[in-house]
Amino acid sequence: MLDKTEKLFKIFADKNRLRIFNLLQQRKMCVCEIAFVLQVTQPSISRHLRKMKESGLVGDEQDGFWTNYFLKNSSGENNIVFWIKSFLKGDNVLKADMNRLKKVDRTKLCCR
């Protein structure tokens, strides 16, 4: 349990992973959508998502052309995840992310 808790705190120790976490609370998203909103490269987003997936916080599923990422419900971390969610409310960077999220159209963003 200690190792899993350490991994989870390491995930939340990075600003971009916190931003991804916040986005994935809204809906499932692909790498190109997250990259657009965060204004970060797709390879960087992929590395963050891989770490988040390895920690058990994020899952993925194939949806035709896209791989969608989502937050997994894991009962053991609910208190930590709930605390992080409440702590992030009202942050200006996250508000700006939410405004950019409204403009995302994956059919125009993602290359085939």
C-alpha atoms as a PDB file:
ATOM      1  CA  MET A   1       0.000   0.000   0.000  1.00  0.00           C
ATOM      2  CA  LEU A   2       2.862   2.375   0.771  1.00  0.00           C
ATOM      3  CA  ASP A   3       4.334   1.945  -2.737  1.00  0.00           C
ATOM      4  CA  LYS A   4       0.994   2.639  -4.402  1.00  0.00           C
ATOM      5  CA  THR A   5       0.473   5.752  -2.261  1.00  0.00           C
ATOM      6  CA  GLU A   6       3.963   6.999  -3.133  1.00  0.00           C
ATOM      7  CA  LYS A   7       3.265   6.533  -6.867  1.00  0.00           C
ATOM      8  CA  LEU A   8       0.012   8.410  -6.560  1.00  0.00           C
ATOM      9  CA  PHE A   9       1.657  11.360  -4.806  1.00  0.00           C
ATOM     10  CA  LYS A  10       4.381  11.418  -7.477  1.00  0.00           C
ATOM     11  CA  ILE A  11       1.648  11.674 -10.119  1.00  0.00           C
ATOM     12  CA  PHE A  12       0.156  14.683  -8.348  1.00  0.00           C
ATOM     13  CA  ALA A  13       3.581  16.311  -7.897  1.00  0.00           C
ATOM     14  CA  ASP A  14       3.614  17.482 -11.535  1.00  0.00           C
ATOM     15  CA  LYS A  15       1.654  20.515 -12.742  1.00  0.00           C
ATOM     16  CA  ASN A  16       0.830  19.056 -16.164  1.00  0.00           C
ATOM     17  CA  ARG A  17      -0.380  15.780 -14.650  1.00  0.00           C
ATOM     18  CA  LEU A  18      -2.630  17.771 -12.304  1.00  0.00           C
ATOM     19  CA  ARG A  19      -3.997  19.608 -15.319  1.00  0.00           C
ATOM     20  CA  ILE A  20      -4.572  16.310 -17.165  1.00  0.00           C
ATOM     21  CA  PHE A  21      -6.273  14.911 -14.067  1.00  0.00           C
ATOM     22  CA  ASN A  22      -8.566  17.930 -14.011  1.00  0.00           C
ATOM     23  CA  LEU A  23      -9.427  17.549 -17.713  1.00  0.00           C
ATOM     24  CA  LEU A  24     -10.176  13.853 -17.398  1.00  0.00           C
ATOM     25  CA  GLN A  25     -12.678  14.651 -14.663  1.00  0.00           C
ATOM     26  CA  GLN A  26     -14.755  16.307 -17.399  1.00  0.00           C
ATOM     27  CA  ARG A  27     -14.752  13.497 -19.972  1.00  0.00           C
ATOM     28  CA  LYS A  28     -12.708  10.897 -21.816  1.00  0.00           C
ATOM     29  CA  MET A  29     -10.111  12.494 -24.057  1.00  0.00           C
ATOM     30  CA  CYS A  30      -7.456  11.535 -26.602  1.00  0.00           C
ATOM     31  CA  VAL A  31      -3.839  12.707 -26.562  1.00  0.00           C
ATOM     32  CA  CYS A  32      -4.320  15.351 -29.240  1.00  0.00           C
ATOM     33  CA  GLU A  33      -7.221  16.944 -27.359  1.00  0.00           C
ATOM     34  CA  ILE A  34      -5.230  17.110 -24.125  1.00  0.00           C
ATOM     35  CA  ALA A  35      -2.195  18.481 -25.969  1.00  0.00           C
ATOM     36  CA  PHE A  36      -4.336  21.215 -27.544  1.00  0.00           C
ATOM     37  CA  VAL A  37      -5.844  22.278 -24.230  1.00  0.00           C
ATOM     38  CA  LEU A  38      -2.562  22.216 -22.282  1.00  0.00           C
ATOM     39  CA  GLN A  39      -0.588  23.627 -25.228  1.00  0.00           C
ATOM     40  CA  VAL A  40       2.039  20.920 -24.707  1.00  0.00           C
ATOM     41  CA  THR A  41       3.461  18.478 -27.259  1.00  0.00           C
ATOM     42  CA  GLN A  42       1.724  15.160 -27.871  1.00  0.00           C
ATOM     43  CA  PRO A  43       4.826  13.107 -26.906  1.00  0.00           C
ATOM     44  CA  SER A  44       4.930  14.927 -23.564  1.00  0.00           C
ATOM     45  CA  ILE A  45       1.235  14.220 -22.950  1.00  0.00           C
ATOM     46  CA  SER A  46       1.759  10.562 -23.874  1.00  0.00           C
ATOM     47  CA  ARG A  47       4.560  10.243 -21.308  1.00  0.00           C
ATOM     48  CA  HIS A  48       2.396  11.797 -18.600  1.00  0.00           C
ATOM     49  CA  LEU A  49      -0.527   9.530 -19.466  1.00  0.00           C
ATOM     50  CA  ARG A  50       1.716   6.457 -19.404  1.00  0.00           C
ATOM     51  CA  LYS A  51       2.852   7.325 -15.878  1.00  0.00           C
ATOM     52  CA  MET A  52      -0.710   8.023 -14.802  1.00  0.00           C
ATOM     53  CA  LYS A  53      -1.821   4.722 -16.291  1.00  0.00           C
ATOM     54  CA  GLU A  54       1.019   2.823 -14.548  1.00  0.00           C
ATOM     55  CA  SER A  55      -0.092   4.330 -11.226  1.00  0.00           C
ATOM     56  CA  GLY A  56      -3.599   2.961 -11.755  1.00  0.00           C
ATOM     57  CA  LEU A  57      -5.198   6.414 -11.847  1.00  0.00           C
ATOM     58  CA  VAL A  58      -5.943   6.443 -15.591  1.00  0.00           C
ATOM     59  CA  GLY A  59      -7.283   3.840 -17.980  1.00  0.00           C
ATOM     60  CA  ASP A  60      -7.647   3.804 -21.745  1.00  0.00           C
ATOM     61  CA  GLU A  61      -9.941   2.352 -24.367  1.00  0.00           C
ATOM     62  CA  GLN A  62      -9.932   2.225 -28.132  1.00  0.00           C
ATOM     63  CA  ASP A  63     -12.666   4.170 -29.943  1.00  0.00           C
ATOM     64  CA  GLY A  64     -12.115   3.616 -33.644  1.00  0.00           C
ATOM     65  CA  PHE A  65      -9.179   5.821 -34.620  1.00  0.00           C
ATOM     66  CA  TRP A  66      -8.774   7.312 -31.139  1.00  0.00           C
ATOM     67  CA  THR A  67      -7.478   5.999 -27.849  1.00  0.00           C
ATOM     68  CA  ASN A  68      -9.520   7.635 -25.120  1.00  0.00           C
ATOM     69  CA  TYR A  69      -8.086   8.157 -21.657  1.00  0.00           C
ATOM     70  CA  PHE A  70     -10.226   8.377 -18.539  1.00  0.00           C
ATOM     71  CA  LEU A  71      -9.931   8.463 -14.759  1.00  0.00           C
ATOM     72  CA  LYS A  72     -10.385   5.068 -13.171  1.00  0.00           C
ATOM     73  CA  ASN A  73     -12.514   4.669 -10.086  1.00  0.00           C
ATOM     74  CA  SER A  74     -10.333   3.084  -7.449  1.00  0.00           C
ATOM     75  CA  SER A  75     -11.811   2.920  -3.991  1.00  0.00           C
ATOM     76  CA  GLY A  76      -8.470   2.787  -2.170  1.00  0.00           C
ATOM     77  CA  GLU A  77      -7.434   6.256  -3.306  1.00  0.00           C
ATOM     78  CA  ASN A  78     -10.822   7.974  -3.094  1.00  0.00           C
ATOM     79  CA  ASN A  79      -9.861  10.130  -0.113  1.00  0.00           C
ATOM     80  CA  ILE A  80      -6.649  11.354  -1.769  1.00  0.00           C
ATOM     81  CA  VAL A  81      -8.340  11.896  -5.141  1.00  0.00           C
ATOM     82  CA  PHE A  82     -11.260  13.707  -3.491  1.00  0.00           C
ATOM     83  CA  TRP A  83      -8.832  15.965  -1.624  1.00  0.00           C
ATOM     84  CA  ILE A  84      -6.904  16.761  -4.830  1.00  0.00           C
ATOM     85  CA  LYS A  85     -10.160  17.539  -6.683  1.00  0.00           C
ATOM     86  CA  SER A  86     -11.322  19.916  -3.978  1.00  0.00           C
ATOM     87  CA  PHE A  87      -7.902  21.549  -3.673  1.00  0.00           C
ATOM     88  CA  LEU A  88      -7.807  22.367  -7.411  1.00  0.00           C
ATOM     89  CA  LYS A  89     -11.160  24.160  -7.530  1.00  0.00           C
ATOM     90  CA  GLY A  90     -10.904  27.791  -8.532  1.00  0.00           C
ATOM     91  CA  ASP A  91      -7.369  27.662  -9.980  1.00  0.00           C
ATOM     92  CA  ASN A  92      -6.951  30.195 -12.817  1.00  0.00           C
ATOM     93  CA  VAL A  93      -4.789  27.912 -14.979  1.00  0.00           C
ATOM     94  CA  LEU A  94      -7.406  25.183 -14.742  1.00  0.00           C
ATOM     95  CA  LYS A  95     -10.156  27.679 -15.582  1.00  0.00           C
ATOM     96  CA  ALA A  96      -8.235  28.651 -18.734  1.00  0.00           C
ATOM     97  CA  ASP A  97      -7.886  24.943 -19.578  1.00  0.00           C
ATOM     98  CA  MET A  98     -11.672  24.550 -19.281  1.00  0.00           C
ATOM     99  CA  ASN A  99     -12.201  27.464 -21.667  1.00  0.00           C
ATOM    100  CA  ARG A 100      -9.860  25.883 -24.238  1.00  0.00           C
ATOM    101  CA  LEU A 101     -11.593  22.519 -23.738  1.00  0.00           C
ATOM    102  CA  LYS A 102     -14.825  24.089 -25.008  1.00  0.00           C
ATOM    103  CA  LYS A 103     -13.069  24.745 -28.349  1.00  0.00           C
ATOM    104  CA  VAL A 104     -11.760  21.200 -28.848  1.00  0.00           C
ATOM    105  CA  ASP A 105     -12.950  19.314 -31.924  1.00  0.00           C
ATOM    106  CA  ARG A 106     -11.012  16.075 -32.209  1.00  0.00           C
ATOM    107  CA  THR A 107     -12.082  15.541 -35.808  1.00  0.00           C
ATOM    108  CA  LYS A 108     -10.187  18.691 -36.773  1.00  0.00           C
ATOM    109  CA  LEU A 109      -7.241  18.269 -34.369  1.00  0.00           C
ATOM    110  CA  CYS A 110      -6.196  14.676 -34.774  1.00  0.00           C
ATOM    111  CA  CYS A 111      -4.234  13.569 -37.806  1.00  0.00           C
ATOM    112  CA  ARG A 112      -4.931  10.224 -39.419  1.00  0.00           C
END
